[in-house]
């Protein structure tokens, strides 16, 4: 596994964790339970990380299928 593939995989994992954090923040805010605003403040950045990670992982996966 090369460094680019590892980077895309890590971006995908980090993006999923941030997505889970945004969901938890939303649920807790709807229940009027105070929680950190970290996931609200950086939501656009975390969306970009998730999208780039997902697209990059798919591109790498498709390139491996074509080679084999």
N, C-alpha and C. Protein backbone atom coordinates (compact mmCIF):
# COMPACT_ATOMS: atom_id res chain seq x y z
N UNK A 1 0.85 -1.17 0.00
CA UNK A 1 0.00 0.00 0.00
C UNK A 1 0.90 1.24 0.00
N UNK A 2 0.67 2.10 -0.93
CA UNK A 2 1.52 3.29 -1.01
C UNK A 2 1.01 4.40 -0.10
N UNK A 3 1.76 5.44 0.00
CA UNK A 3 1.47 6.54 0.93
C UNK A 3 0.19 7.28 0.55
N UNK A 4 -0.10 7.42 -0.73
CA UNK A 4 -1.30 8.12 -1.17
C UNK A 4 -2.55 7.33 -0.76
N UNK A 5 -2.49 6.02 -0.94
CA UNK A 5 -3.62 5.18 -0.56
C UNK A 5 -3.87 5.24 0.95
N UNK A 6 -2.80 5.22 1.73
CA UNK A 6 -2.94 5.33 3.19
C UNK A 6 -3.52 6.68 3.57
N UNK A 7 -3.09 7.74 2.91
CA UNK A 7 -3.60 9.08 3.21
C UNK A 7 -5.11 9.17 2.93
N UNK A 8 -5.55 8.63 1.79
CA UNK A 8 -6.98 8.65 1.46
C UNK A 8 -7.78 7.82 2.46
N UNK A 9 -7.24 6.67 2.86
CA UNK A 9 -7.94 5.84 3.84
C UNK A 9 -8.07 6.56 5.18
N UNK A 10 -7.00 7.23 5.61
CA UNK A 10 -7.06 7.97 6.87
C UNK A 10 -8.02 9.15 6.78
N UNK A 11 -8.04 9.81 5.63
CA UNK A 11 -8.98 10.92 5.45
C UNK A 11 -10.42 10.42 5.55
N UNK A 12 -10.68 9.24 4.99
CA UNK A 12 -12.01 8.66 5.05
C UNK A 12 -12.39 8.34 6.50
N UNK A 13 -11.47 7.75 7.24
CA UNK A 13 -11.74 7.41 8.64
C UNK A 13 -11.97 8.67 9.48
N UNK A 14 -11.11 9.66 9.31
CA UNK A 14 -11.26 10.92 10.06
C UNK A 14 -12.57 11.60 9.70
N UNK A 15 -12.92 11.60 8.42
CA UNK A 15 -14.19 12.19 7.99
C UNK A 15 -15.39 11.49 8.59
N UNK A 16 -15.33 10.16 8.71
CA UNK A 16 -16.43 9.41 9.31
C UNK A 16 -16.55 9.72 10.80
N UNK A 17 -15.42 9.85 11.49
CA UNK A 17 -15.45 10.20 12.91
C UNK A 17 -16.05 11.59 13.11
N UNK A 18 -15.66 12.53 12.28
CA UNK A 18 -16.21 13.88 12.37
C UNK A 18 -17.70 13.90 12.04
N UNK A 19 -18.13 13.07 11.08
CA UNK A 19 -19.54 12.95 10.76
C UNK A 19 -20.32 12.41 11.95
N UNK A 20 -19.78 11.41 12.61
CA UNK A 20 -20.42 10.86 13.81
C UNK A 20 -20.50 11.92 14.91
N UNK A 21 -19.47 12.72 15.06
CA UNK A 21 -19.48 13.80 16.03
C UNK A 21 -20.54 14.84 15.73
N UNK A 22 -20.72 15.16 14.44
CA UNK A 22 -21.77 16.12 14.07
C UNK A 22 -23.15 15.57 14.36
N UNK A 23 -23.34 14.27 14.14
CA UNK A 23 -24.64 13.65 14.41
C UNK A 23 -24.92 13.66 15.91
N UNK A 24 -23.92 13.31 16.72
CA UNK A 24 -24.09 13.33 18.18
C UNK A 24 -24.39 14.75 18.66
N UNK A 25 -23.68 15.73 18.11
CA UNK A 25 -23.91 17.13 18.48
C UNK A 25 -25.34 17.55 18.14
N UNK A 26 -25.82 17.15 16.98
CA UNK A 26 -27.18 17.49 16.57
C UNK A 26 -28.21 16.87 17.52
N UNK A 27 -28.04 15.59 17.81
CA UNK A 27 -28.99 14.91 18.68
C UNK A 27 -29.00 15.54 20.07
N UNK A 28 -27.82 15.82 20.61
CA UNK A 28 -27.76 16.41 21.94
C UNK A 28 -28.31 17.84 21.97
N UNK A 29 -28.10 18.58 20.89
CA UNK A 29 -28.64 19.94 20.86
C UNK A 29 -30.17 19.92 20.73
N UNK A 30 -30.71 18.93 20.04
CA UNK A 30 -32.16 18.81 19.95
C UNK A 30 -32.77 18.42 21.29
N UNK A 31 -32.01 17.74 22.12
CA UNK A 31 -32.47 17.35 23.45
C UNK A 31 -32.12 18.40 24.50
N UNK A 32 -31.58 19.54 24.09
CA UNK A 32 -31.18 20.64 24.97
C UNK A 32 -30.15 20.23 26.01
N UNK A 33 -29.24 19.37 25.60
CA UNK A 33 -28.13 18.97 26.46
C UNK A 33 -26.89 19.72 25.98
N UNK A 34 -26.23 20.48 26.86
CA UNK A 34 -25.04 21.22 26.41
C UNK A 34 -23.92 20.27 25.97
N UNK A 35 -23.31 20.62 24.87
CA UNK A 35 -22.23 19.80 24.31
C UNK A 35 -21.28 20.73 23.57
N UNK A 36 -20.13 20.25 23.24
CA UNK A 36 -19.12 21.05 22.55
C UNK A 36 -19.62 21.53 21.19
N UNK A 37 -19.15 22.68 20.77
CA UNK A 37 -19.52 23.19 19.44
C UNK A 37 -18.41 22.92 18.42
N UNK A 38 -17.44 22.11 18.79
CA UNK A 38 -16.33 21.82 17.89
C UNK A 38 -16.82 21.28 16.55
N UNK A 39 -17.79 20.37 16.57
CA UNK A 39 -18.24 19.73 15.35
C UNK A 39 -19.10 20.66 14.50
N UNK A 40 -19.73 21.66 15.11
CA UNK A 40 -20.47 22.66 14.34
C UNK A 40 -19.51 23.65 13.69
N UNK A 41 -18.47 24.03 14.42
CA UNK A 41 -17.54 25.05 13.94
C UNK A 41 -16.74 24.58 12.73
N UNK A 42 -16.43 23.31 12.65
CA UNK A 42 -15.58 22.79 11.59
C UNK A 42 -16.33 21.84 10.67
N UNK A 43 -17.61 22.06 10.46
CA UNK A 43 -18.41 21.12 9.68
C UNK A 43 -18.02 21.12 8.20
N UNK A 44 -17.72 22.27 7.62
CA UNK A 44 -17.38 22.32 6.19
C UNK A 44 -16.04 21.63 5.95
N UNK A 45 -15.10 21.85 6.82
CA UNK A 45 -13.80 21.19 6.68
C UNK A 45 -13.94 19.69 6.79
N UNK A 46 -14.76 19.23 7.73
CA UNK A 46 -14.91 17.78 7.90
C UNK A 46 -15.65 17.16 6.72
N UNK A 47 -16.60 17.89 6.12
CA UNK A 47 -17.25 17.40 4.90
C UNK A 47 -16.22 17.25 3.78
N UNK A 48 -15.35 18.23 3.63
CA UNK A 48 -14.33 18.15 2.58
C UNK A 48 -13.39 16.98 2.80
N UNK A 49 -12.99 16.75 4.05
CA UNK A 49 -12.11 15.62 4.36
C UNK A 49 -12.80 14.31 4.01
N UNK A 50 -14.07 14.19 4.37
CA UNK A 50 -14.83 12.97 4.08
C UNK A 50 -14.99 12.76 2.58
N UNK A 51 -15.32 13.80 1.85
CA UNK A 51 -15.54 13.67 0.41
C UNK A 51 -14.24 13.33 -0.31
N UNK A 52 -13.15 14.02 0.02
CA UNK A 52 -11.87 13.74 -0.63
C UNK A 52 -11.41 12.33 -0.29
N UNK A 53 -11.57 11.91 0.95
CA UNK A 53 -11.19 10.55 1.34
C UNK A 53 -11.99 9.49 0.61
N UNK A 54 -13.30 9.70 0.48
CA UNK A 54 -14.15 8.73 -0.21
C UNK A 54 -13.83 8.65 -1.70
N UNK A 55 -13.68 9.81 -2.33
CA UNK A 55 -13.37 9.83 -3.76
C UNK A 55 -11.99 9.22 -4.02
N UNK A 56 -11.02 9.60 -3.22
CA UNK A 56 -9.67 9.06 -3.39
C UNK A 56 -9.60 7.57 -3.18
N UNK A 57 -10.31 7.06 -2.19
CA UNK A 57 -10.33 5.62 -1.95
C UNK A 57 -10.95 4.88 -3.12
N UNK A 58 -12.04 5.41 -3.67
CA UNK A 58 -12.68 4.78 -4.82
C UNK A 58 -11.78 4.80 -6.05
N UNK A 59 -11.09 5.90 -6.28
CA UNK A 59 -10.19 5.98 -7.44
C UNK A 59 -9.06 4.97 -7.31
N UNK A 60 -8.47 4.87 -6.13
CA UNK A 60 -7.38 3.91 -5.91
C UNK A 60 -7.90 2.49 -6.09
N UNK A 61 -9.10 2.21 -5.58
CA UNK A 61 -9.68 0.87 -5.70
C UNK A 61 -9.93 0.51 -7.16
N UNK A 62 -10.45 1.47 -7.94
CA UNK A 62 -10.71 1.21 -9.36
C UNK A 62 -9.41 1.03 -10.14
N UNK A 63 -8.35 1.75 -9.77
CA UNK A 63 -7.08 1.59 -10.45
C UNK A 63 -6.49 0.22 -10.16
N UNK A 64 -6.66 -0.28 -8.95
CA UNK A 64 -6.15 -1.62 -8.61
C UNK A 64 -6.90 -2.70 -9.38
N UNK A 65 -8.21 -2.52 -9.59
CA UNK A 65 -9.00 -3.49 -10.33
C UNK A 65 -8.55 -3.55 -11.79
N UNK A 66 -8.23 -2.40 -12.39
CA UNK A 66 -7.80 -2.34 -13.77
C UNK A 66 -6.44 -2.98 -13.96
N UNK A 67 -5.56 -2.85 -12.97
CA UNK A 67 -4.21 -3.41 -13.07
C UNK A 67 -4.26 -4.93 -12.97
N UNK A 68 -5.08 -5.43 -12.08
CA UNK A 68 -5.15 -6.89 -11.84
C UNK A 68 -6.01 -7.53 -12.83
